[in-house]
N, C-alpha and C. Protein backbone atom coordinates (compact mmCIF):
# COMPACT_ATOMS: atom_id res chain seq x y z
N UNK A 1 122.81 115.51 -33.97
CA UNK A 1 122.36 115.27 -32.30
C UNK A 1 121.52 115.12 -31.98
N UNK A 2 121.17 114.18 -30.87
CA UNK A 2 120.04 113.57 -30.15
C UNK A 2 119.25 114.73 -29.72
N UNK A 3 118.08 114.39 -29.73
CA UNK A 3 117.17 115.36 -29.26
C UNK A 3 117.19 115.42 -27.42
N UNK A 4 117.09 116.88 -27.13
CA UNK A 4 117.18 116.88 -25.68
C UNK A 4 116.35 116.19 -24.82
N UNK A 5 115.01 115.56 -25.21
CA UNK A 5 113.77 114.87 -24.69
C UNK A 5 115.12 113.34 -24.25
N UNK A 6 115.42 112.95 -25.43
CA UNK A 6 116.24 111.50 -25.62
C UNK A 6 117.46 111.60 -24.50
N UNK A 7 118.05 112.75 -24.34
CA UNK A 7 119.21 113.30 -23.93
C UNK A 7 118.92 112.76 -22.57
N UNK A 8 117.84 113.62 -22.17
CA UNK A 8 117.52 113.66 -20.51
C UNK A 8 117.12 112.61 -20.47
N UNK A 9 116.52 112.18 -20.69
CA UNK A 9 115.62 110.60 -20.44
C UNK A 9 116.60 109.76 -19.65
N UNK A 10 117.81 109.16 -19.78
CA UNK A 10 118.05 108.38 -18.62
C UNK A 10 118.80 108.88 -17.45
N UNK A 11 118.83 110.10 -17.48
CA UNK A 11 119.30 111.06 -16.33
C UNK A 11 117.96 110.88 -15.72
N UNK A 12 116.98 111.76 -16.27
CA UNK A 12 115.82 111.58 -14.92
C UNK A 12 115.76 110.23 -14.50
N UNK A 13 115.67 109.09 -15.05
CA UNK A 13 115.16 107.85 -14.24
C UNK A 13 116.07 107.40 -13.77
N UNK A 14 117.74 107.86 -14.29
CA UNK A 14 118.42 107.48 -12.99
C UNK A 14 118.43 108.25 -11.63
N UNK A 15 117.97 109.39 -11.58
CA UNK A 15 117.66 110.35 -10.53
C UNK A 15 116.67 109.60 -9.67
N UNK A 16 115.74 109.58 -10.42
CA UNK A 16 114.58 108.52 -9.82
C UNK A 16 114.54 107.44 -9.03
N UNK A 17 115.37 106.75 -9.67
CA UNK A 17 115.86 105.24 -9.44
C UNK A 17 116.58 105.19 -8.25
N UNK A 18 117.67 105.79 -8.26
CA UNK A 18 118.38 106.32 -7.03
C UNK A 18 117.44 106.79 -5.60
N UNK A 19 117.21 107.29 -5.65
CA UNK A 19 116.04 107.84 -4.59
C UNK A 19 115.18 106.81 -4.68
N UNK A 20 115.14 106.13 -5.14
CA UNK A 20 113.82 105.22 -5.03
C UNK A 20 114.56 103.71 -4.54
N UNK A 21 115.54 103.73 -4.66
CA UNK A 21 116.51 102.12 -4.07
C UNK A 21 116.93 102.97 -2.78
N UNK A 22 117.09 103.92 -2.64
CA UNK A 22 117.50 104.76 -1.13
C UNK A 22 115.97 104.47 -0.32
N UNK A 23 114.98 104.27 -0.73
CA UNK A 23 113.84 104.59 -0.26
C UNK A 23 113.50 105.85 0.33
N UNK A 24 114.06 106.83 -0.69
CA UNK A 24 113.48 108.28 -0.20
C UNK A 24 112.24 108.62 -0.51
N UNK A 25 111.35 109.33 0.85
CA UNK A 25 110.25 109.73 0.71
C UNK A 25 110.11 111.15 0.26
N UNK A 26 108.95 111.38 0.22
CA UNK A 26 108.26 112.80 -0.73
C UNK A 26 108.54 113.64 -0.92
N UNK A 27 109.35 113.78 1.01
CA UNK A 27 110.20 115.33 0.91
C UNK A 27 111.54 115.18 0.56
N UNK A 28 111.89 113.91 0.34
CA UNK A 28 113.71 114.06 -0.07
C UNK A 28 113.35 114.12 -1.93
N UNK A 29 112.44 113.58 -2.47
CA UNK A 29 111.77 113.36 -4.02
C UNK A 29 111.73 115.34 -4.25
N UNK A 30 110.92 115.54 -3.17
CA UNK A 30 110.51 116.99 -3.92
C UNK A 30 112.05 118.28 -3.57
N UNK A 31 112.66 118.00 -2.10
CA UNK A 31 113.79 118.46 -2.23
C UNK A 31 114.92 118.19 -2.90
N UNK A 32 114.97 117.18 -4.13
CA UNK A 32 115.89 116.75 -5.04
C UNK A 32 115.37 117.43 -6.15
N UNK A 33 114.29 117.69 -6.32
CA UNK A 33 113.60 118.14 -7.60
C UNK A 33 113.73 119.92 -7.13
N UNK A 34 113.53 120.60 -6.31
CA UNK A 34 114.15 121.69 -5.93
C UNK A 34 115.50 122.16 -6.29
N UNK A 35 116.25 120.97 -5.55
CA UNK A 35 117.70 121.30 -6.48
C UNK A 35 117.98 121.15 -7.57
N UNK A 36 117.68 120.15 -8.51
CA UNK A 36 117.36 120.16 -9.88
C UNK A 36 117.07 121.36 -10.53
N UNK A 37 115.66 121.92 -9.98
CA UNK A 37 115.58 123.09 -10.67
C UNK A 37 116.67 123.87 -10.64
N UNK A 38 116.98 124.22 -9.41
CA UNK A 38 117.89 125.13 -9.15
C UNK A 38 119.21 124.75 -10.04
N UNK A 39 119.76 123.84 -9.73
CA UNK A 39 120.72 123.79 -10.89
C UNK A 39 120.18 124.24 -12.44
N UNK A 40 119.56 123.60 -13.20
CA UNK A 40 118.80 124.09 -14.56
C UNK A 40 118.87 125.78 -14.45
N UNK A 41 118.60 126.36 -13.43
CA UNK A 41 118.26 127.96 -13.41
C UNK A 41 119.85 128.38 -13.46
N UNK A 42 120.53 127.81 -13.02
CA UNK A 42 121.75 128.43 -13.18
C UNK A 42 122.69 127.93 -14.08
N UNK A 43 122.69 126.85 -15.06
CA UNK A 43 122.84 126.29 -16.17
C UNK A 43 122.18 126.84 -17.33
N UNK A 44 121.12 127.29 -17.50
CA UNK A 44 120.51 127.79 -18.18
C UNK A 44 121.15 129.53 -18.34
N UNK A 45 121.92 130.13 -17.16
CA UNK A 45 122.29 131.16 -17.08
C UNK A 45 123.61 131.47 -18.34
N UNK A 46 123.31 132.56 -19.19
CA UNK A 46 124.26 132.98 -20.08
C UNK A 46 125.58 132.87 -19.81
N UNK A 47 126.19 133.57 -18.56
CA UNK A 47 127.39 133.42 -18.64
C UNK A 47 127.88 132.47 -18.33
N UNK A 48 126.99 131.55 -17.27
CA UNK A 48 127.48 129.82 -17.09
C UNK A 48 127.70 129.20 -18.52
N UNK A 49 127.17 129.40 -19.41
CA UNK A 49 127.01 128.66 -20.57
C UNK A 49 128.10 128.98 -20.94
N UNK A 50 128.28 130.05 -21.40
CA UNK A 50 130.01 131.23 -22.01
C UNK A 50 131.65 130.36 -21.33
N UNK A 51 131.48 129.72 -20.09
CA UNK A 51 132.01 129.14 -19.19
C UNK A 51 131.99 127.63 -19.78
N UNK A 52 131.13 127.45 -20.19
CA UNK A 52 131.03 125.67 -19.72
C UNK A 52 132.30 125.20 -21.27
N UNK A 53 132.32 126.10 -22.36
CA UNK A 53 133.02 125.87 -23.27
C UNK A 53 134.60 126.16 -23.38
N UNK A 54 134.66 127.19 -21.89
CA UNK A 54 136.18 127.61 -21.88
C UNK A 54 136.89 125.78 -21.41
N UNK A 55 138.24 125.60 -22.31
CA UNK A 55 138.98 124.72 -21.69
C UNK A 55 139.83 124.49 -20.87
N UNK A 56 140.02 126.28 -20.12
CA UNK A 56 140.89 126.39 -18.96
C UNK A 56 140.04 125.74 -17.82
N UNK A 57 138.69 125.80 -17.66
CA UNK A 57 137.87 125.34 -16.65
C UNK A 57 137.33 123.69 -16.72
N UNK A 58 138.32 123.21 -15.53
CA UNK A 58 138.02 121.46 -15.15
C UNK A 58 136.38 121.27 -14.65
N UNK A 59 136.11 119.47 -14.93
CA UNK A 59 135.22 119.31 -14.69
C UNK A 59 134.75 119.87 -13.24
N UNK A 60 135.58 119.72 -12.20
CA UNK A 60 135.46 119.95 -10.36
C UNK A 60 135.36 121.34 -10.62
N UNK A 61 136.08 122.26 -11.21
CA UNK A 61 135.88 123.87 -10.91
C UNK A 61 134.68 123.71 -11.66
N UNK A 62 134.32 123.36 -12.71
CA UNK A 62 132.24 123.91 -13.58
C UNK A 62 131.46 123.27 -12.43
N UNK A 63 131.76 122.14 -11.74
CA UNK A 63 131.22 121.84 -10.52
C UNK A 63 130.81 122.57 -9.56
N UNK A 64 131.61 123.00 -8.84
CA UNK A 64 132.23 123.84 -7.68
C UNK A 64 131.28 125.41 -8.04
N UNK A 65 131.53 125.72 -9.31
CA UNK A 65 130.80 127.00 -9.70
C UNK A 65 129.57 127.11 -9.66
N UNK A 66 129.02 125.80 -10.07
CA UNK A 66 127.08 125.74 -9.89
C UNK A 66 126.56 125.14 -8.94
N UNK A 67 127.70 124.29 -8.19
CA UNK A 67 127.40 124.00 -6.75
C UNK A 67 126.97 125.43 -5.67
N UNK A 68 128.07 126.05 -5.72
CA UNK A 68 128.03 127.41 -5.11
C UNK A 68 127.04 128.79 -5.81
N UNK A 69 126.61 127.84 -6.71
CA UNK A 69 125.77 129.46 -7.27
C UNK A 69 124.70 128.85 -7.06
N UNK A 70 124.10 127.76 -6.79
CA UNK A 70 122.42 127.15 -6.36
C UNK A 70 122.54 127.30 -4.93
N UNK A 71 123.38 127.07 -4.02
CA UNK A 71 123.52 127.40 -2.95
C UNK A 71 123.79 125.99 -2.31
N UNK A 72 124.17 125.24 -1.09
CA UNK A 72 124.23 123.54 -1.02
C UNK A 72 123.62 122.74 -1.94
N UNK A 73 124.09 121.94 -2.42
CA UNK A 73 123.41 120.99 -3.02
C UNK A 73 122.98 119.77 -1.91
N UNK A 74 121.84 120.35 -2.09
CA UNK A 74 121.30 119.26 -0.54
C UNK A 74 121.01 118.19 -0.64
N UNK A 75 120.73 117.48 -2.10
CA UNK A 75 120.39 116.12 -2.42
C UNK A 75 121.91 115.74 -3.15
N UNK A 76 122.64 114.31 -2.53
CA UNK A 76 123.47 113.83 -2.49
C UNK A 76 123.33 113.09 -3.39
N UNK A 77 122.02 112.82 -4.37
CA UNK A 77 122.16 112.04 -5.45
C UNK A 77 121.84 113.25 -6.83
N UNK A 78 121.81 114.52 -6.51
CA UNK A 78 121.83 115.46 -7.38
C UNK A 78 122.93 115.79 -7.51
N UNK A 79 123.77 116.07 -6.74
CA UNK A 79 125.08 116.21 -6.59
C UNK A 79 125.69 115.50 -7.70
N UNK A 80 125.79 114.29 -7.33
CA UNK A 80 126.37 112.65 -8.24
C UNK A 80 125.60 113.12 -9.13
N UNK A 81 124.75 113.53 -9.62
CA UNK A 81 124.00 113.31 -11.46
C UNK A 81 124.90 115.09 -11.48
N UNK A 82 124.93 115.73 -11.16
CA UNK A 82 125.46 116.98 -11.57
C UNK A 82 126.77 116.75 -12.35
N UNK A 83 127.67 115.88 -11.28
CA UNK A 83 129.09 115.41 -11.82
C UNK A 83 129.29 114.76 -13.12
N UNK A 84 128.08 113.95 -13.32
CA UNK A 84 128.03 112.80 -14.59
C UNK A 84 127.87 113.72 -15.54
N UNK A 85 126.54 114.40 -15.49
CA UNK A 85 126.28 115.16 -16.45
C UNK A 85 127.18 115.98 -17.01
N UNK A 86 127.94 116.90 -16.01
CA UNK A 86 129.70 118.00 -16.54
C UNK A 86 130.22 116.68 -17.07
N UNK A 87 130.97 115.56 -16.52
CA UNK A 87 131.71 114.57 -17.22
C UNK A 87 131.32 114.38 -18.85
N UNK A 88 129.96 114.03 -18.86
CA UNK A 88 129.38 113.95 -20.49
C UNK A 88 128.90 114.69 -20.98
N UNK A 89 129.65 116.01 -20.51
CA UNK A 89 129.18 117.08 -21.28
C UNK A 89 127.62 117.44 -22.29
N UNK A 90 126.88 117.20 -20.86
CA UNK A 90 125.29 117.24 -21.35
C UNK A 90 124.78 118.25 -20.22
N UNK A 91 124.90 119.76 -19.78
CA UNK A 91 124.91 120.63 -19.12
C UNK A 91 123.65 121.09 -20.01
N UNK A 92 123.63 121.20 -21.29
CA UNK A 92 121.90 121.95 -21.74
C UNK A 92 121.40 121.02 -21.75
N UNK A 93 120.98 119.84 -21.07
CA UNK A 93 120.18 119.15 -20.91
C UNK A 93 119.71 119.11 -19.88
N UNK A 94 120.14 119.82 -18.45
CA UNK A 94 119.89 120.16 -17.50
C UNK A 94 118.37 120.41 -17.30
N UNK A 95 117.83 121.16 -17.89
CA UNK A 95 116.16 121.71 -17.96
C UNK A 95 115.46 120.78 -18.01
N UNK A 96 115.80 120.02 -19.48
CA UNK A 96 114.99 118.97 -19.70
C UNK A 96 114.61 117.71 -18.49
N UNK A 97 116.09 117.42 -18.14
CA UNK A 97 116.13 116.44 -16.68
C UNK A 97 115.12 116.60 -15.98
N UNK A 98 115.25 117.93 -15.49
CA UNK A 98 114.32 118.70 -14.56
C UNK A 98 112.64 118.35 -14.97
N UNK A 99 112.50 118.62 -16.10
CA UNK A 99 110.93 118.34 -16.17
C UNK A 99 110.73 117.04 -16.61
N UNK A 100 111.68 116.64 -17.15
CA UNK A 100 111.26 114.83 -16.63
C UNK A 100 110.93 114.13 -15.59
N UNK A 101 112.00 114.67 -14.62
CA UNK A 101 112.08 114.25 -12.97
C UNK A 101 110.81 114.48 -12.63
N UNK A 102 110.34 115.77 -12.97
CA UNK A 102 109.19 116.52 -12.28
C UNK A 102 108.12 115.19 -13.00
N UNK A 103 107.99 115.10 -14.30
CA UNK A 103 106.85 114.03 -14.19
C UNK A 103 107.09 112.50 -13.97
N UNK A 104 108.26 111.96 -13.39
CA UNK A 104 108.45 110.69 -12.70
C UNK A 104 107.57 111.18 -11.59
N UNK A 105 107.96 112.03 -10.97
CA UNK A 105 107.30 112.38 -9.67
C UNK A 105 106.06 112.52 -9.36
N UNK A 106 105.24 113.20 -10.49
CA UNK A 106 104.30 114.20 -10.48
C UNK A 106 103.68 112.00 -10.32
N UNK A 107 104.04 111.21 -11.47
CA UNK A 107 103.54 109.78 -11.92
C UNK A 107 103.10 109.02 -10.54
N UNK A 108 104.42 108.89 -10.17
CA UNK A 108 104.53 108.37 -8.96
C UNK A 108 103.79 108.78 -7.49
N UNK A 109 103.30 109.94 -7.59
CA UNK A 109 102.54 110.31 -6.64
C UNK A 109 100.80 110.37 -7.35
N UNK A 110 100.49 110.23 -8.64
CA UNK A 110 99.30 110.28 -9.04
C UNK A 110 99.09 111.67 -8.71
N UNK A 111 99.77 112.63 -8.96
CA UNK A 111 99.16 114.31 -9.18
C UNK A 111 100.05 114.41 -10.88
N UNK A 112 99.31 115.10 -11.32
CA UNK A 112 99.73 115.81 -12.96
C UNK A 112 99.72 117.34 -12.79
N UNK A 113 100.56 117.98 -13.57
CA UNK A 113 100.78 119.32 -13.30
C UNK A 113 99.66 119.72 -14.66
N UNK A 114 99.18 121.06 -14.17
CA UNK A 114 98.28 121.11 -14.98
C UNK A 114 98.77 122.68 -15.51
N UNK A 115 99.53 122.89 -16.75
CA UNK A 115 99.82 123.86 -17.51
C UNK A 115 98.92 125.12 -17.77
N UNK A 116 98.72 126.00 -17.14
CA UNK A 116 98.10 126.71 -17.03
C UNK A 116 98.04 128.09 -17.83
N UNK A 117 97.62 129.01 -19.16
CA UNK A 117 98.35 130.06 -19.81
C UNK A 117 97.26 130.70 -19.72
N UNK A 118 97.48 132.09 -19.09
CA UNK A 118 96.44 132.81 -19.69
C UNK A 118 96.67 133.92 -19.65
N UNK A 119 95.81 134.91 -20.44
CA UNK A 119 96.34 136.14 -20.77
C UNK A 119 96.58 137.26 -19.77
N UNK A 120 95.78 136.94 -18.64
CA UNK A 120 95.74 137.82 -18.00
C UNK A 120 96.21 136.97 -16.18
N UNK A 121 96.31 137.63 -15.52
CA UNK A 121 96.89 137.31 -13.96
C UNK A 121 95.40 137.05 -13.38
N UNK A 122 95.14 135.43 -13.07
CA UNK A 122 94.25 135.25 -12.36
C UNK A 122 94.34 135.49 -10.86
N UNK A 123 92.98 135.55 -10.29
CA UNK A 123 93.29 135.77 -8.80
C UNK A 123 93.30 134.27 -8.15
N UNK A 124 92.81 134.28 -6.77
CA UNK A 124 93.09 133.01 -6.61
C UNK A 124 91.58 132.01 -6.38
N UNK A 125 90.49 132.89 -6.67
CA UNK A 125 89.17 132.02 -6.10
C UNK A 125 89.37 132.06 -7.71
N UNK A 126 89.42 132.67 -8.86
CA UNK A 126 89.21 132.29 -10.13
C UNK A 126 90.30 131.25 -10.72
N UNK A 127 91.41 130.74 -9.97
CA UNK A 127 92.26 129.49 -10.03
C UNK A 127 91.49 128.17 -9.61
N UNK A 128 91.21 128.67 -8.17
CA UNK A 128 90.30 127.71 -7.46
C UNK A 128 89.37 127.10 -8.54
N UNK A 129 88.66 128.07 -8.64
CA UNK A 129 87.47 127.36 -9.50
C UNK A 129 87.81 126.94 -10.33
N UNK A 130 89.05 127.20 -11.15
CA UNK A 130 89.61 126.62 -12.54
C UNK A 130 90.01 125.18 -12.29
N UNK A 131 90.49 124.96 -11.27
CA UNK A 131 90.93 123.76 -10.70
C UNK A 131 89.86 122.96 -10.43
N UNK A 132 88.61 123.48 -9.85
CA UNK A 132 87.61 122.51 -9.65
C UNK A 132 86.93 121.94 -10.94
N UNK A 133 86.88 122.59 -11.74
CA UNK A 133 86.01 122.52 -13.35
C UNK A 133 87.54 121.43 -14.09
N UNK A 134 88.74 121.77 -13.37
CA UNK A 134 89.66 120.44 -14.21
C UNK A 134 89.36 119.45 -13.60
N UNK A 135 89.30 119.83 -12.30
CA UNK A 135 89.27 118.00 -11.79
C UNK A 135 88.13 116.88 -12.43
N UNK A 136 86.96 118.15 -13.01
CA UNK A 136 85.78 117.29 -13.18
C UNK A 136 86.45 116.65 -14.76
N UNK A 137 87.11 117.22 -15.05
CA UNK A 137 87.14 117.21 -16.38
C UNK A 137 88.35 116.26 -16.65
N UNK A 138 89.38 115.81 -15.41
CA UNK A 138 90.38 114.97 -15.80
C UNK A 138 90.02 113.93 -14.40
N UNK A 139 88.68 113.40 -14.46
CA UNK A 139 88.81 112.79 -12.72
C UNK A 139 89.50 111.71 -12.25
N UNK A 140 89.96 111.63 -10.94
CA UNK A 140 90.95 110.73 -10.69
C UNK A 140 92.31 111.00 -10.21
N UNK A 141 92.61 112.35 -10.66
CA UNK A 141 93.74 112.57 -11.03
C UNK A 141 94.20 114.17 -10.09
N UNK A 142 94.78 114.06 -9.18
CA UNK A 142 95.67 115.31 -8.18
C UNK A 142 95.95 116.70 -9.78
N UNK A 143 95.88 117.82 -10.15
CA UNK A 143 96.16 118.30 -10.38
C UNK A 143 97.03 119.38 -9.54
N UNK A 144 97.84 120.03 -9.95
CA UNK A 144 99.22 120.96 -9.25
C UNK A 144 99.13 122.04 -10.63
N UNK A 145 98.33 123.23 -10.25
CA UNK A 145 98.59 124.31 -11.41
C UNK A 145 100.36 124.63 -11.59
N UNK A 146 100.17 125.00 -12.70
CA UNK A 146 101.24 125.83 -12.82
C UNK A 146 100.84 127.12 -14.01
N UNK A 147 100.81 128.16 -13.71
CA UNK A 147 100.20 129.50 -14.47
C UNK A 147 101.41 130.29 -14.39
N UNK A 148 101.11 130.55 -16.11
CA UNK A 148 102.49 131.24 -16.66
C UNK A 148 101.14 132.55 -17.56
N UNK A 149 101.61 133.95 -18.00
CA UNK A 149 100.79 135.00 -18.45
C UNK A 149 101.59 135.01 -20.11
N UNK A 150 100.62 135.08 -20.95
CA UNK A 150 100.46 134.94 -22.41
C UNK A 150 99.42 135.77 -22.67
N UNK A 151 100.40 137.28 -22.97
CA UNK A 151 99.78 138.33 -23.80
C UNK A 151 99.07 138.34 -24.79
N UNK A 152 100.03 137.25 -26.05
CA UNK A 152 99.21 136.87 -26.83
C UNK A 152 98.02 135.89 -27.21
N UNK A 153 97.97 135.60 -26.29
CA UNK A 153 96.73 135.13 -25.94
C UNK A 153 95.20 135.80 -26.45
N UNK A 154 95.84 136.92 -26.56
CA UNK A 154 94.38 138.17 -25.87
C UNK A 154 93.27 138.02 -25.25
N UNK A 155 93.10 136.85 -24.86
CA UNK A 155 92.21 136.70 -23.53
C UNK A 155 91.62 134.83 -23.67
N UNK A 156 90.92 134.63 -22.47
CA UNK A 156 90.99 133.22 -22.27
C UNK A 156 91.95 133.01 -21.61
N UNK A 157 92.38 131.37 -21.87
CA UNK A 157 93.33 130.56 -21.78
C UNK A 157 93.04 129.26 -22.30
N UNK A 158 95.00 128.72 -22.25
CA UNK A 158 94.79 127.66 -22.88
C UNK A 158 95.56 126.50 -21.49
N UNK A 159 94.75 125.29 -21.32
CA UNK A 159 95.47 124.30 -20.30
C UNK A 159 96.10 123.09 -21.04
N UNK A 160 97.37 122.18 -20.29
CA UNK A 160 97.54 121.47 -21.19
C UNK A 160 98.09 120.32 -19.47
N UNK A 161 97.27 119.36 -20.01
CA UNK A 161 97.49 117.72 -18.91
C UNK A 161 97.95 116.92 -19.73
N UNK A 162 99.31 116.64 -18.98
CA UNK A 162 99.82 115.50 -19.63
C UNK A 162 99.68 115.96 -21.17
N UNK A 163 99.22 115.00 -22.38
CA UNK A 163 99.33 115.32 -23.88
C UNK A 163 97.73 116.08 -24.61
N UNK A 164 97.20 116.48 -23.91
CA UNK A 164 95.75 116.79 -23.36
C UNK A 164 95.58 118.22 -23.25
N UNK A 165 95.10 118.84 -24.21
CA UNK A 165 95.33 120.24 -24.65
C UNK A 165 93.84 120.78 -24.70
N UNK A 166 93.60 121.76 -24.03
CA UNK A 166 92.46 122.53 -23.61
C UNK A 166 92.41 123.92 -24.41
N UNK A 167 92.36 123.95 -25.42
CA UNK A 167 92.42 125.76 -25.87
C UNK A 167 91.21 126.70 -25.67
N UNK A 168 90.58 127.99 -24.78
CA UNK A 168 89.94 128.48 -24.70
C UNK A 168 90.39 130.28 -25.22
N UNK A 169 91.18 130.10 -25.77
CA UNK A 169 92.04 131.33 -25.98
C UNK A 169 91.02 132.16 -27.23
N UNK A 170 90.92 133.32 -27.35
CA UNK A 170 90.90 134.47 -27.95
C UNK A 170 91.81 134.36 -28.92
N UNK A 171 92.86 134.36 -29.51
CA UNK A 171 93.28 133.79 -30.38
C UNK A 171 92.90 132.84 -30.92
N UNK A 172 92.92 131.64 -30.53
CA UNK A 172 92.59 130.56 -31.48
C UNK A 172 91.04 130.69 -31.96
N UNK A 173 90.38 131.11 -31.08
CA UNK A 173 88.81 131.74 -32.04
C UNK A 173 89.26 132.61 -33.00
N UNK A 174 89.89 133.55 -32.94
CA UNK A 174 90.07 134.20 -33.70
C UNK A 174 90.43 133.78 -35.40
N UNK A 175 91.75 132.49 -34.67
CA UNK A 175 92.51 131.94 -36.35
C UNK A 175 90.83 130.92 -36.66
N UNK A 176 89.82 130.45 -35.55
CA UNK A 176 89.38 129.70 -36.57
C UNK A 176 88.29 130.30 -37.38
N UNK A 177 87.89 131.53 -36.88
CA UNK A 177 86.77 132.21 -37.37
C UNK A 177 87.26 132.94 -38.76
N UNK A 178 88.58 133.23 -38.79
CA UNK A 178 89.38 133.50 -40.34
C UNK A 178 89.56 132.07 -40.72
N UNK A 179 89.57 131.44 -40.74
CA UNK A 179 89.68 130.25 -41.48
C UNK A 179 88.44 129.65 -41.80
N UNK A 180 87.56 129.63 -41.24
CA UNK A 180 85.91 129.51 -41.59
C UNK A 180 85.15 130.43 -42.80
N UNK A 181 85.88 131.95 -42.43
CA UNK A 181 85.56 133.12 -43.40
C UNK A 181 86.33 133.42 -44.67
N UNK A 182 87.86 132.25 -44.71
CA UNK A 182 88.24 132.06 -45.76
C UNK A 182 87.96 130.58 -46.44
N UNK A 183 87.08 130.08 -46.00
CA UNK A 183 87.20 128.57 -46.86
C UNK A 183 86.43 129.02 -47.65
């Protein structure tokens, strides 16, 4: 089976092109992303996953179930995309489609997500200070923080922007010390 990123790419590009073709503004693109994220969260639900393989459930019924669970699908492009995804049995790729669509949206706006993983919750002041330092590290980019907590880091943090990783975690430092001491 093809990798999910390979499966998701044409769907994400198709949605982005459909919005671009109708000259959708930034607000419409953001609304489509919000709608796509909602569909992804519903599609990942274990109860929905069990229904996907049910031969008694038609594509229209599955679409209606997901649309109803998400609330009103406010983006007609996402609604059409969901129908195509269901028809092609690619519902498992929806979260990757949302990720790739977010990357396309950010690239068009000159924004990059800064995925910050910390051992402990950051205060607003700490996050703001971190973003100022990251702006110096990545000049010319507007960074949008996406913060998650990972207790396995022990302390410190990691930051991923695009394909660059900045690792200042205690876990990594301990691993480096272990390697140095056992070499």
